């Protein structure tokens, strides 16, 4: 992503407006038949909908499952709520970055003369689907979160969402400072786990 018009110089001070960090892409990004953004509606919702439908038959004779439970952030959700939550999940959602930069964790490294800000918002997606059969319980767990990091050359400070950099009069210093508008890095991780365990007779513990 290339962002223009967010920096200006006033004497020896360059200010860079980083408010654009918080944004959300709601449309899909696709490569052939693979979706990269609206994976909730594309991949998660159909699976959750299937098990939500099966949950209506729990307790009936010849039912395939003896229990179907959904958890969001550790809280039990009903089937309708679970489908809505899973279906609304998008990957490129950085709207949870409203915390101003001056509240991020700031460090200065003397060895390479670099100022760095780091922030990890709450987990964006945390979903647990527990499927119980006669002797087997399986948990399907999907978690998604990210962290953000901004790194600039020199000793810098933040004021709100603005980074203030003393660049002096050297042209090289100005070029190095300008790199800040491209220096946003988001580490995104997705973890999907499948756990299969046999229940001990009469001793199944809910987390």
N, C-alpha and C. Protein backbone atom coordinates (compact mmCIF):
# COMPACT_ATOMS: atom_id res chain seq x y z
N UNK A 1 0.84 -1.18 0.00
CA UNK A 1 0.00 0.00 0.00
C UNK A 1 0.88 1.24 0.00
N UNK A 2 0.58 2.16 -0.86
CA UNK A 2 1.35 3.40 -0.97
C UNK A 2 0.43 4.56 -0.61
N UNK A 3 0.76 5.29 0.44
CA UNK A 3 -0.07 6.39 0.92
C UNK A 3 0.68 7.70 0.72
N UNK A 4 0.02 8.66 0.09
CA UNK A 4 0.65 9.95 -0.19
C UNK A 4 -0.06 11.07 0.57
N UNK A 5 0.65 12.15 0.77
CA UNK A 5 0.05 13.35 1.38
C UNK A 5 -0.14 13.28 2.87
N UNK A 6 0.60 12.40 3.56
CA UNK A 6 0.42 12.29 5.01
C UNK A 6 1.59 12.90 5.78
N UNK A 7 2.59 13.40 5.07
CA UNK A 7 3.74 13.98 5.76
C UNK A 7 3.98 15.41 5.29
N UNK A 8 4.51 16.21 6.20
CA UNK A 8 4.88 17.58 5.85
C UNK A 8 6.08 18.00 6.69
N UNK A 9 6.85 18.94 6.15
CA UNK A 9 8.05 19.40 6.83
C UNK A 9 7.89 20.86 7.23
N UNK A 10 8.27 21.14 8.47
CA UNK A 10 8.25 22.50 8.98
C UNK A 10 9.59 22.76 9.66
N UNK A 11 10.49 23.38 8.91
CA UNK A 11 11.84 23.58 9.42
C UNK A 11 12.57 22.25 9.49
N UNK A 12 13.06 21.91 10.68
CA UNK A 12 13.78 20.65 10.86
C UNK A 12 12.87 19.52 11.35
N UNK A 13 11.58 19.78 11.44
CA UNK A 13 10.64 18.78 11.96
C UNK A 13 9.74 18.26 10.85
N UNK A 14 9.73 16.95 10.69
CA UNK A 14 8.81 16.29 9.78
C UNK A 14 7.70 15.66 10.60
N UNK A 15 6.46 15.96 10.25
CA UNK A 15 5.31 15.33 10.92
C UNK A 15 4.61 14.40 9.94
N UNK A 16 4.30 13.22 10.42
CA UNK A 16 3.65 12.21 9.59
C UNK A 16 2.35 11.79 10.26
N UNK A 17 1.24 11.99 9.55
CA UNK A 17 -0.08 11.64 10.09
C UNK A 17 -0.36 10.17 9.82
N UNK A 18 -0.45 9.37 10.88
CA UNK A 18 -0.65 7.93 10.75
C UNK A 18 -2.08 7.49 11.06
N UNK A 19 -3.04 8.41 11.02
CA UNK A 19 -4.42 8.07 11.34
C UNK A 19 -4.97 6.99 10.41
N UNK A 20 -4.46 6.90 9.21
CA UNK A 20 -4.95 5.93 8.24
C UNK A 20 -4.66 4.47 8.64
N UNK A 21 -3.98 4.27 9.76
CA UNK A 21 -3.73 2.90 10.23
C UNK A 21 -5.02 2.13 10.46
N UNK A 22 -6.05 2.80 10.96
CA UNK A 22 -7.30 2.12 11.26
C UNK A 22 -8.21 2.14 10.04
N UNK A 23 -8.39 0.99 9.41
CA UNK A 23 -9.29 0.90 8.26
C UNK A 23 -9.83 -0.51 8.16
N UNK A 24 -10.90 -0.66 7.38
CA UNK A 24 -11.56 -1.95 7.24
C UNK A 24 -11.96 -2.15 5.79
N UNK A 25 -11.58 -3.27 5.22
CA UNK A 25 -11.98 -3.62 3.85
C UNK A 25 -13.12 -4.62 3.93
N UNK A 26 -14.31 -4.23 3.46
CA UNK A 26 -15.48 -5.10 3.58
C UNK A 26 -15.73 -5.92 2.32
N UNK A 27 -15.21 -5.50 1.19
CA UNK A 27 -15.39 -6.27 -0.04
C UNK A 27 -14.39 -7.41 -0.10
N UNK A 28 -14.66 -8.37 -0.96
CA UNK A 28 -13.81 -9.54 -1.04
C UNK A 28 -12.60 -9.30 -1.93
N UNK A 29 -11.54 -10.03 -1.67
CA UNK A 29 -10.36 -10.06 -2.53
C UNK A 29 -10.21 -11.50 -2.98
N UNK A 30 -10.15 -11.71 -4.29
CA UNK A 30 -10.18 -13.06 -4.82
C UNK A 30 -9.07 -13.31 -5.81
N UNK A 31 -8.61 -14.54 -5.84
CA UNK A 31 -7.70 -15.02 -6.86
C UNK A 31 -8.31 -16.32 -7.38
N UNK A 32 -8.87 -16.24 -8.60
CA UNK A 32 -9.64 -17.34 -9.17
C UNK A 32 -10.80 -17.67 -8.22
N UNK A 33 -10.82 -18.86 -7.64
CA UNK A 33 -11.94 -19.23 -6.77
C UNK A 33 -11.62 -19.11 -5.28
N UNK A 34 -10.47 -18.54 -4.96
CA UNK A 34 -10.05 -18.44 -3.57
C UNK A 34 -10.30 -17.04 -3.03
N UNK A 35 -11.01 -16.97 -1.91
CA UNK A 35 -11.28 -15.69 -1.25
C UNK A 35 -10.23 -15.42 -0.19
N UNK A 36 -9.75 -14.17 -0.14
CA UNK A 36 -8.72 -13.82 0.82
C UNK A 36 -9.22 -12.91 1.94
N UNK A 37 -10.39 -12.34 1.79
CA UNK A 37 -10.85 -11.40 2.80
C UNK A 37 -12.14 -11.84 3.49
N UNK A 38 -13.22 -12.02 2.75
CA UNK A 38 -14.49 -12.39 3.37
C UNK A 38 -14.56 -13.90 3.57
N UNK A 39 -13.59 -14.40 4.32
CA UNK A 39 -13.53 -15.85 4.51
C UNK A 39 -14.60 -16.34 5.47
N UNK A 40 -15.17 -15.43 6.27
CA UNK A 40 -16.25 -15.82 7.17
C UNK A 40 -17.48 -16.27 6.41
N UNK A 41 -17.96 -15.42 5.50
CA UNK A 41 -19.15 -15.77 4.73
C UNK A 41 -18.86 -16.84 3.71
N UNK A 42 -17.64 -16.88 3.21
CA UNK A 42 -17.28 -17.81 2.15
C UNK A 42 -17.03 -19.23 2.68
N UNK A 43 -16.33 -19.33 3.81
CA UNK A 43 -15.90 -20.65 4.28
C UNK A 43 -16.48 -21.06 5.63
N UNK A 44 -16.54 -20.11 6.58
CA UNK A 44 -16.96 -20.47 7.94
C UNK A 44 -18.47 -20.65 8.07
N UNK A 45 -19.24 -19.69 7.51
CA UNK A 45 -20.69 -19.73 7.71
C UNK A 45 -21.32 -21.05 7.24
N UNK A 46 -20.98 -21.59 6.05
CA UNK A 46 -21.62 -22.84 5.63
C UNK A 46 -21.36 -24.00 6.60
N UNK A 47 -20.15 -24.06 7.15
CA UNK A 47 -19.84 -25.13 8.10
C UNK A 47 -20.63 -24.96 9.39
N UNK A 48 -20.63 -23.73 9.91
CA UNK A 48 -21.37 -23.46 11.15
C UNK A 48 -22.87 -23.69 10.93
N UNK A 49 -23.37 -23.30 9.76
CA UNK A 49 -24.80 -23.48 9.47
C UNK A 49 -25.17 -24.96 9.47
N UNK A 50 -24.29 -25.80 8.97
CA UNK A 50 -24.57 -27.24 8.95
C UNK A 50 -24.72 -27.78 10.37
N UNK A 51 -23.77 -27.44 11.24
CA UNK A 51 -23.82 -27.95 12.61
C UNK A 51 -24.92 -27.26 13.42
N UNK A 52 -25.22 -26.02 13.08
CA UNK A 52 -26.33 -25.34 13.75
C UNK A 52 -27.64 -26.05 13.43
N UNK A 53 -27.78 -26.50 12.19
CA UNK A 53 -28.97 -27.25 11.81
C UNK A 53 -29.03 -28.60 12.54
N UNK A 54 -27.86 -29.24 12.67
CA UNK A 54 -27.81 -30.53 13.37
C UNK A 54 -28.16 -30.38 14.85
N UNK A 55 -27.87 -29.21 15.42
CA UNK A 55 -28.13 -29.01 16.85
C UNK A 55 -29.62 -29.10 17.17
N UNK A 56 -30.46 -28.88 16.17
CA UNK A 56 -31.91 -28.94 16.40
C UNK A 56 -32.39 -30.36 16.66
N UNK A 57 -31.55 -31.34 16.27
CA UNK A 57 -31.97 -32.73 16.40
C UNK A 57 -31.34 -33.42 17.62
N UNK A 58 -30.51 -32.69 18.36
CA UNK A 58 -29.88 -33.28 19.55
C UNK A 58 -30.95 -33.73 20.54
N UNK A 59 -30.81 -34.93 21.02
CA UNK A 59 -31.77 -35.46 21.98
C UNK A 59 -32.87 -36.30 21.36
N UNK A 60 -32.98 -36.22 20.04
CA UNK A 60 -34.00 -37.03 19.38
C UNK A 60 -33.45 -38.43 19.09
N UNK A 61 -34.30 -39.41 18.94
CA UNK A 61 -33.84 -40.77 18.61
C UNK A 61 -33.07 -40.79 17.29
N UNK A 62 -32.01 -41.56 17.27
CA UNK A 62 -31.17 -41.72 16.08
C UNK A 62 -30.47 -40.42 15.64
N UNK A 63 -30.36 -39.46 16.52
CA UNK A 63 -29.64 -38.22 16.18
C UNK A 63 -28.16 -38.52 16.00
N UNK A 64 -27.54 -37.86 15.02
CA UNK A 64 -26.12 -38.09 14.74
C UNK A 64 -25.24 -37.57 15.86
N UNK A 65 -25.63 -36.44 16.44
CA UNK A 65 -24.82 -35.81 17.49
C UNK A 65 -25.59 -35.78 18.80
N UNK A 66 -24.83 -35.90 19.89
CA UNK A 66 -25.44 -35.81 21.22
C UNK A 66 -25.31 -34.42 21.81
N UNK A 67 -24.51 -33.58 21.17
CA UNK A 67 -24.36 -32.21 21.63
C UNK A 67 -23.63 -31.36 20.62
N UNK A 68 -24.10 -30.12 20.42
CA UNK A 68 -23.43 -29.14 19.55
C UNK A 68 -23.45 -27.81 20.29
N UNK A 69 -22.25 -27.29 20.58
CA UNK A 69 -22.15 -26.05 21.35
C UNK A 69 -21.19 -25.09 20.64
N UNK A 70 -21.52 -23.81 20.68
CA UNK A 70 -20.69 -22.77 20.05
C UNK A 70 -20.21 -21.80 21.12
N UNK A 71 -18.94 -21.42 21.03
CA UNK A 71 -18.36 -20.45 21.96
C UNK A 71 -17.68 -19.33 21.17
N UNK A 72 -17.91 -18.12 21.60
CA UNK A 72 -17.23 -16.95 21.03
C UNK A 72 -16.53 -16.24 22.18
N UNK A 73 -15.20 -16.17 22.09
CA UNK A 73 -14.40 -15.59 23.18
C UNK A 73 -14.73 -16.24 24.52
N UNK A 74 -14.98 -17.55 24.48
CA UNK A 74 -15.25 -18.28 25.70
C UNK A 74 -16.69 -18.23 26.19
N UNK A 75 -17.55 -17.47 25.49
CA UNK A 75 -18.95 -17.34 25.89
C UNK A 75 -19.83 -18.16 24.97
N UNK A 76 -20.77 -18.89 25.54
CA UNK A 76 -21.66 -19.73 24.75
C UNK A 76 -22.60 -18.87 23.90
N UNK A 77 -22.68 -19.20 22.60
CA UNK A 77 -23.57 -18.51 21.67
C UNK A 77 -24.59 -19.52 21.15
N UNK A 78 -25.83 -19.02 20.89
CA UNK A 78 -26.81 -19.90 20.28
C UNK A 78 -26.48 -20.06 18.79
N UNK A 79 -27.07 -21.04 18.12
CA UNK A 79 -26.72 -21.31 16.72
C UNK A 79 -26.87 -20.11 15.79
N UNK A 80 -27.92 -19.32 15.97
CA UNK A 80 -28.12 -18.15 15.11
C UNK A 80 -27.03 -17.12 15.32
N UNK A 81 -26.69 -16.84 16.58
CA UNK A 81 -25.62 -15.90 16.88
C UNK A 81 -24.28 -16.39 16.34
N UNK A 82 -24.03 -17.68 16.45
CA UNK A 82 -22.77 -18.25 15.98
C UNK A 82 -22.63 -18.10 14.47
N UNK A 83 -23.70 -18.33 13.73
CA UNK A 83 -23.65 -18.18 12.28
C UNK A 83 -23.37 -16.73 11.89
N UNK A 84 -24.00 -15.81 12.58
CA UNK A 84 -23.80 -14.39 12.27
C UNK A 84 -22.37 -13.97 12.57
N UNK A 85 -21.86 -14.41 13.71
CA UNK A 85 -20.49 -14.06 14.09
C UNK A 85 -19.48 -14.61 13.09
N UNK A 86 -19.63 -15.89 12.75
CA UNK A 86 -18.69 -16.51 11.82
C UNK A 86 -18.80 -15.91 10.43
N UNK A 87 -20.02 -15.61 9.99
CA UNK A 87 -20.22 -15.09 8.65
C UNK A 87 -19.72 -13.68 8.45
N UNK A 88 -19.63 -12.90 9.51
CA UNK A 88 -19.19 -11.51 9.40
C UNK A 88 -17.68 -11.33 9.48
N UNK A 89 -16.95 -12.42 9.67
CA UNK A 89 -15.51 -12.31 9.84
C UNK A 89 -14.81 -11.96 8.53
N UNK A 90 -13.98 -10.93 8.56
CA UNK A 90 -13.13 -10.55 7.42
C UNK A 90 -11.69 -10.46 7.90
N UNK A 91 -10.76 -10.78 7.01
CA UNK A 91 -9.34 -10.77 7.37
C UNK A 91 -8.78 -9.35 7.48
N UNK A 92 -9.11 -8.51 6.49
CA UNK A 92 -8.49 -7.18 6.43
C UNK A 92 -9.36 -6.19 7.17
N UNK A 93 -9.36 -6.31 8.47
CA UNK A 93 -10.13 -5.43 9.34
C UNK A 93 -9.19 -4.86 10.40
N UNK A 94 -8.72 -3.66 10.16
CA UNK A 94 -7.83 -2.99 11.10
C UNK A 94 -8.54 -1.86 11.84
N UNK A 95 -9.87 -1.99 11.96
CA UNK A 95 -10.64 -0.95 12.66
C UNK A 95 -10.39 -0.96 14.16
N UNK A 96 -9.72 -2.01 14.67
CA UNK A 96 -9.40 -2.07 16.10
C UNK A 96 -8.07 -1.40 16.41
N UNK A 97 -7.65 -0.47 15.55
CA UNK A 97 -6.42 0.28 15.81
C UNK A 97 -6.73 1.76 16.09
N UNK A 98 -7.76 2.06 16.89
CA UNK A 98 -8.08 3.46 17.17
C UNK A 98 -7.18 4.07 18.24
N UNK A 99 -6.49 3.21 18.99
CA UNK A 99 -5.61 3.71 20.05
C UNK A 99 -4.52 4.58 19.43
N UNK A 100 -4.39 5.79 19.89
CA UNK A 100 -3.43 6.72 19.29
C UNK A 100 -1.99 6.23 19.51
N UNK A 101 -1.12 6.62 18.59
CA UNK A 101 0.26 6.14 18.62
C UNK A 101 0.98 6.48 19.92
N UNK A 102 0.63 7.62 20.52
CA UNK A 102 1.32 7.98 21.76
C UNK A 102 0.95 7.05 22.91
N UNK A 103 -0.03 6.13 22.69
CA UNK A 103 -0.39 5.13 23.69
C UNK A 103 0.21 3.76 23.36
N UNK A 104 0.85 3.64 22.21
CA UNK A 104 1.50 2.38 21.84
C UNK A 104 2.80 2.23 22.63
N UNK A 105 3.33 1.03 22.65
CA UNK A 105 4.60 0.76 23.32
C UNK A 105 5.75 1.30 22.45
N UNK A 106 6.46 2.27 22.96
CA UNK A 106 7.52 2.93 22.20
C UNK A 106 8.89 2.54 22.75
N UNK A 107 9.80 2.20 21.83
CA UNK A 107 11.17 1.88 22.22
C UNK A 107 12.14 2.57 21.27
N UNK A 108 13.27 2.93 21.80
CA UNK A 108 14.33 3.52 20.97
C UNK A 108 15.57 2.63 21.09
N UNK A 109 16.12 2.22 19.93
CA UNK A 109 17.29 1.36 19.89
C UNK A 109 18.50 2.19 19.48
N UNK A 110 19.43 2.33 20.40
CA UNK A 110 20.58 3.20 20.16
C UNK A 110 21.51 2.62 19.10
N UNK A 111 21.64 1.29 19.07
CA UNK A 111 22.61 0.67 18.16
C UNK A 111 22.31 0.95 16.69
N UNK A 112 21.03 1.00 16.33
CA UNK A 112 20.70 1.31 14.94
C UNK A 112 19.92 2.62 14.78
N UNK A 113 19.84 3.39 15.87
CA UNK A 113 19.21 4.71 15.84
C UNK A 113 17.79 4.63 15.26
N UNK A 114 16.97 3.79 15.88
CA UNK A 114 15.62 3.55 15.36
C UNK A 114 14.59 3.67 16.49
N UNK A 115 13.48 4.35 16.20
CA UNK A 115 12.36 4.43 17.13
C UNK A 115 11.24 3.52 16.61
N UNK A 116 10.69 2.71 17.51
CA UNK A 116 9.68 1.74 17.10
C UNK A 116 8.48 1.82 18.03
N UNK A 117 7.29 1.75 17.43
CA UNK A 117 6.04 1.68 18.18
C UNK A 117 5.39 0.34 17.88
N UNK A 118 4.86 -0.32 18.93
CA UNK A 118 4.19 -1.61 18.75
C UNK A 118 2.87 -1.62 19.50
N UNK A 119 1.89 -2.32 18.91
CA UNK A 119 0.58 -2.42 19.55
C UNK A 119 -0.11 -3.71 19.09
N UNK A 120 -0.70 -4.43 20.05
CA UNK A 120 -1.46 -5.65 19.73
C UNK A 120 -2.88 -5.48 20.26
N UNK A 121 -3.86 -5.26 19.37
CA UNK A 121 -5.25 -5.11 19.81
C UNK A 121 -5.82 -6.44 20.28
N UNK A 122 -6.99 -6.43 20.90
CA UNK A 122 -7.62 -7.69 21.31
C UNK A 122 -7.83 -8.60 20.11
N UNK A 123 -7.91 -9.89 20.38
CA UNK A 123 -8.08 -10.86 19.31
C UNK A 123 -9.35 -10.55 18.52
N UNK A 124 -9.21 -10.53 17.21
CA UNK A 124 -10.33 -10.13 16.35
C UNK A 124 -11.37 -11.24 16.18
N UNK A 125 -10.91 -12.47 16.19
CA UNK A 125 -11.82 -13.59 15.96
C UNK A 125 -11.42 -14.75 16.86
N UNK A 126 -12.37 -15.25 17.65
CA UNK A 126 -12.11 -16.38 18.53
C UNK A 126 -13.36 -17.24 18.57
N UNK A 127 -13.29 -18.38 17.91
CA UNK A 127 -14.48 -19.21 17.72
C UNK A 127 -14.16 -20.66 18.07
N UNK A 128 -15.05 -21.28 18.84
CA UNK A 128 -14.88 -22.66 19.27
C UNK A 128 -16.20 -23.39 19.04
N UNK A 129 -16.14 -24.47 18.27
CA UNK A 129 -17.33 -25.28 18.01
C UNK A 129 -17.09 -26.68 18.57
N UNK A 130 -17.90 -27.08 19.52
CA UNK A 130 -17.74 -28.37 20.18
C UNK A 130 -18.81 -29.34 19.69
N UNK A 131 -18.36 -30.45 19.12
CA UNK A 131 -19.27 -31.46 18.57
C UNK A 131 -19.14 -32.73 19.41
N UNK A 132 -20.24 -33.18 19.95
CA UNK A 132 -20.25 -34.37 20.80
C UNK A 132 -21.02 -35.50 20.15
N UNK A 133 -20.37 -36.65 20.06
CA UNK A 133 -21.04 -37.88 19.65
C UNK A 133 -21.09 -38.80 20.87
N UNK A 134 -21.45 -40.05 20.69
CA UNK A 134 -21.65 -40.93 21.84
C UNK A 134 -20.40 -41.05 22.70
N UNK A 135 -19.25 -41.31 22.10
CA UNK A 135 -18.04 -41.53 22.88
C UNK A 135 -16.91 -40.55 22.54
N UNK A 136 -17.15 -39.64 21.64
CA UNK A 136 -16.08 -38.76 21.18
C UNK A 136 -16.55 -37.31 21.19
N UNK A 137 -15.67 -36.43 21.66
CA UNK A 137 -15.93 -35.00 21.60
C UNK A 137 -14.82 -34.33 20.79
N UNK A 138 -15.20 -33.53 19.83
CA UNK A 138 -14.22 -32.84 18.99
C UNK A 138 -14.42 -31.34 19.10
N UNK A 139 -13.33 -30.62 19.30
CA UNK A 139 -13.36 -29.16 19.33
C UNK A 139 -12.71 -28.61 18.06
N UNK A 140 -13.42 -27.72 17.37
CA UNK A 140 -12.87 -27.02 16.22
C UNK A 140 -12.65 -25.57 16.65
N UNK A 141 -11.40 -25.14 16.66
CA UNK A 141 -11.06 -23.83 17.19
C UNK A 141 -10.40 -22.98 16.12
N UNK A 142 -10.90 -21.76 15.94
CA UNK A 142 -10.30 -20.83 14.98
C UNK A 142 -10.03 -19.51 15.68
N UNK A 143 -8.78 -19.05 15.63
CA UNK A 143 -8.39 -17.78 16.24
C UNK A 143 -7.70 -16.90 15.22
N UNK A 144 -7.93 -15.61 15.32
CA UNK A 144 -7.28 -14.67 14.41
C UNK A 144 -6.92 -13.39 15.17
N UNK A 145 -5.69 -12.96 14.99
CA UNK A 145 -5.26 -11.72 15.61
C UNK A 145 -4.09 -11.14 14.84
N UNK A 146 -3.72 -9.94 15.16
CA UNK A 146 -2.59 -9.30 14.48
C UNK A 146 -1.93 -8.30 15.43
N UNK A 147 -0.74 -7.91 15.07
CA UNK A 147 -0.04 -6.85 15.78
C UNK A 147 0.48 -5.85 14.77
N UNK A 148 0.67 -4.63 15.20
CA UNK A 148 1.13 -3.58 14.30
C UNK A 148 2.45 -3.01 14.81
N UNK A 149 3.31 -2.64 13.89
CA UNK A 149 4.60 -2.07 14.24
C UNK A 149 4.94 -0.95 13.26
N UNK A 150 5.41 0.16 13.80
CA UNK A 150 5.90 1.27 12.99
C UNK A 150 7.33 1.56 13.42
N UNK A 151 8.22 1.65 12.47
CA UNK A 151 9.63 1.89 12.77
C UNK A 151 10.16 3.04 11.91
N UNK A 152 10.84 4.00 12.54
CA UNK A 152 11.41 5.13 11.81
C UNK A 152 12.86 5.33 12.23
N UNK A 153 13.62 5.91 11.35
CA UNK A 153 15.02 6.21 11.66
C UNK A 153 15.11 7.45 12.53
N UNK A 154 15.96 7.39 13.53
CA UNK A 154 16.17 8.53 14.41
C UNK A 154 15.34 8.48 15.67
N UNK A 155 15.63 9.39 16.58
CA UNK A 155 14.87 9.51 17.83
C UNK A 155 13.62 10.34 17.55
N UNK A 156 12.46 9.71 17.66
CA UNK A 156 11.20 10.35 17.29
C UNK A 156 10.21 10.22 18.44
N UNK A 157 9.15 11.00 18.34
CA UNK A 157 8.10 10.94 19.35
C UNK A 157 6.75 11.02 18.65
N UNK A 158 5.73 10.59 19.36
CA UNK A 158 4.37 10.62 18.81
C UNK A 158 3.51 11.60 19.59
N UNK A 159 2.65 12.27 18.86
CA UNK A 159 1.68 13.19 19.46
C UNK A 159 0.32 12.85 18.85
N UNK A 160 -0.51 12.16 19.64
CA UNK A 160 -1.74 11.63 19.06
C UNK A 160 -1.37 10.56 18.04
N UNK A 161 -1.84 10.71 16.81
CA UNK A 161 -1.48 9.80 15.73
C UNK A 161 -0.44 10.41 14.79
N UNK A 162 0.25 11.41 15.25
CA UNK A 162 1.27 12.07 14.44
C UNK A 162 2.65 11.75 14.97
N UNK A 163 3.54 11.35 14.07
CA UNK A 163 4.94 11.12 14.42
C UNK A 163 5.74 12.37 14.10
N UNK A 164 6.53 12.82 15.06
CA UNK A 164 7.36 14.01 14.88
C UNK A 164 8.82 13.58 14.84
N UNK A 165 9.49 13.93 13.73
CA UNK A 165 10.87 13.50 13.51
C UNK A 165 11.75 14.73 13.27
N UNK A 166 12.82 14.84 14.04
CA UNK A 166 13.79 15.91 13.83
C UNK A 166 14.80 15.43 12.79
N UNK A 167 14.70 15.98 11.58
CA UNK A 167 15.55 15.50 10.49
C UNK A 167 16.76 16.39 10.23
N UNK A 168 16.87 17.50 10.96
CA UNK A 168 18.01 18.38 10.73
C UNK A 168 17.96 18.98 9.34
N UNK A 169 19.09 19.26 8.77
CA UNK A 169 19.14 19.90 7.47
C UNK A 169 19.67 18.98 6.38
N UNK A 170 20.07 17.75 6.73
CA UNK A 170 20.66 16.85 5.74
C UNK A 170 19.61 16.25 4.82
N UNK A 171 19.90 16.25 3.52
CA UNK A 171 18.96 15.67 2.56
C UNK A 171 18.79 14.17 2.80
N UNK A 172 19.86 13.47 3.15
CA UNK A 172 19.76 12.04 3.39
C UNK A 172 18.83 11.74 4.56
N UNK A 173 18.90 12.59 5.59
CA UNK A 173 18.02 12.39 6.73
C UNK A 173 16.56 12.55 6.31
N UNK A 174 16.30 13.50 5.41
CA UNK A 174 14.93 13.71 4.94
C UNK A 174 14.42 12.49 4.18
N UNK A 175 15.26 11.91 3.34
CA UNK A 175 14.87 10.72 2.60
C UNK A 175 14.56 9.57 3.55
N UNK A 176 15.39 9.40 4.57
CA UNK A 176 15.16 8.33 5.53
C UNK A 176 13.86 8.54 6.29
N UNK A 177 13.55 9.78 6.62
CA UNK A 177 12.33 10.07 7.36
C UNK A 177 11.10 9.81 6.50
N UNK A 178 11.21 10.07 5.20
CA UNK A 178 10.07 9.88 4.31
C UNK A 178 9.65 8.42 4.22
N UNK A 179 10.57 7.51 4.51
CA UNK A 179 10.27 6.08 4.43
C UNK A 179 9.20 5.69 5.44
N UNK A 180 8.97 6.50 6.46
CA UNK A 180 8.03 6.16 7.51
C UNK A 180 6.63 5.90 6.97
N UNK A 181 6.24 6.57 5.89
CA UNK A 181 4.88 6.38 5.39
C UNK A 181 4.66 5.00 4.80
N UNK A 182 5.76 4.26 4.58
CA UNK A 182 5.64 2.90 4.07
C UNK A 182 6.06 1.87 5.10
N UNK A 183 6.31 2.31 6.33
CA UNK A 183 6.95 1.44 7.31
C UNK A 183 5.98 0.74 8.24
N UNK A 184 4.71 0.63 7.85
CA UNK A 184 3.74 -0.04 8.68
C UNK A 184 3.75 -1.53 8.36
N UNK A 185 3.90 -2.34 9.38
CA UNK A 185 3.97 -3.79 9.18
C UNK A 185 2.97 -4.46 10.09
N UNK A 186 2.11 -5.27 9.54
CA UNK A 186 1.14 -6.01 10.34
C UNK A 186 1.48 -7.49 10.29
N UNK A 187 1.68 -8.06 11.45
CA UNK A 187 1.95 -9.50 11.54
C UNK A 187 0.62 -10.19 11.79
N UNK A 188 0.16 -10.94 10.82
CA UNK A 188 -1.14 -11.58 10.90
C UNK A 188 -0.96 -13.08 11.05
N UNK A 189 -1.66 -13.64 12.00
CA UNK A 189 -1.56 -15.09 12.20
C UNK A 189 -2.96 -15.67 12.34
N UNK A 190 -3.15 -16.81 11.72
CA UNK A 190 -4.41 -17.54 11.84
C UNK A 190 -4.09 -18.95 12.32
N UNK A 191 -4.80 -19.39 13.31
CA UNK A 191 -4.56 -20.71 13.87
C UNK A 191 -5.85 -21.49 13.89
N UNK A 192 -5.84 -22.64 13.27
CA UNK A 192 -7.00 -23.52 13.28
C UNK A 192 -6.56 -24.86 13.85
N UNK A 193 -7.25 -25.31 14.87
CA UNK A 193 -6.86 -26.55 15.54
C UNK A 193 -8.04 -27.52 15.58
N UNK A 194 -7.71 -28.77 15.51
CA UNK A 194 -8.71 -29.82 15.68
C UNK A 194 -8.24 -30.73 16.80
N UNK A 195 -9.08 -30.90 17.77
CA UNK A 195 -8.72 -31.72 18.92
C UNK A 195 -9.78 -32.80 19.09
N UNK A 196 -9.34 -34.02 19.16
CA UNK A 196 -10.24 -35.17 19.27
C UNK A 196 -9.89 -35.93 20.55
N UNK A 197 -10.86 -36.12 21.40
CA UNK A 197 -10.58 -36.85 22.64
C UNK A 197 -11.78 -37.68 23.03
N UNK A 198 -11.50 -38.78 23.67
CA UNK A 198 -12.57 -39.63 24.15
C UNK A 198 -12.97 -39.20 25.55
N UNK A 199 -14.25 -39.19 25.79
CA UNK A 199 -14.75 -38.80 27.11
C UNK A 199 -14.56 -39.94 28.09
N UNK A 200 -14.12 -39.59 29.29
CA UNK A 200 -14.13 -40.57 30.35
C UNK A 200 -15.56 -40.75 30.83
N UNK A 201 -15.89 -41.94 31.22
CA UNK A 201 -17.27 -42.26 31.57
C UNK A 201 -17.79 -41.29 32.62
N UNK A 202 -18.75 -40.48 32.24
CA UNK A 202 -19.39 -39.56 33.17
C UNK A 202 -18.52 -38.42 33.64
N UNK A 203 -17.37 -38.19 32.99
CA UNK A 203 -16.46 -37.16 33.48
C UNK A 203 -15.99 -36.29 32.32
N UNK A 204 -16.87 -35.51 31.80
CA UNK A 204 -16.51 -34.55 30.74
C UNK A 204 -16.54 -33.16 31.34
N UNK A 205 -15.41 -32.48 31.26
CA UNK A 205 -15.31 -31.15 31.85
C UNK A 205 -15.37 -30.11 30.76
N UNK A 206 -16.23 -29.16 30.92
CA UNK A 206 -16.29 -28.03 30.00
C UNK A 206 -15.26 -27.00 30.38
N UNK A 207 -14.60 -26.48 29.35
CA UNK A 207 -13.56 -25.47 29.65
C UNK A 207 -14.23 -24.20 30.14
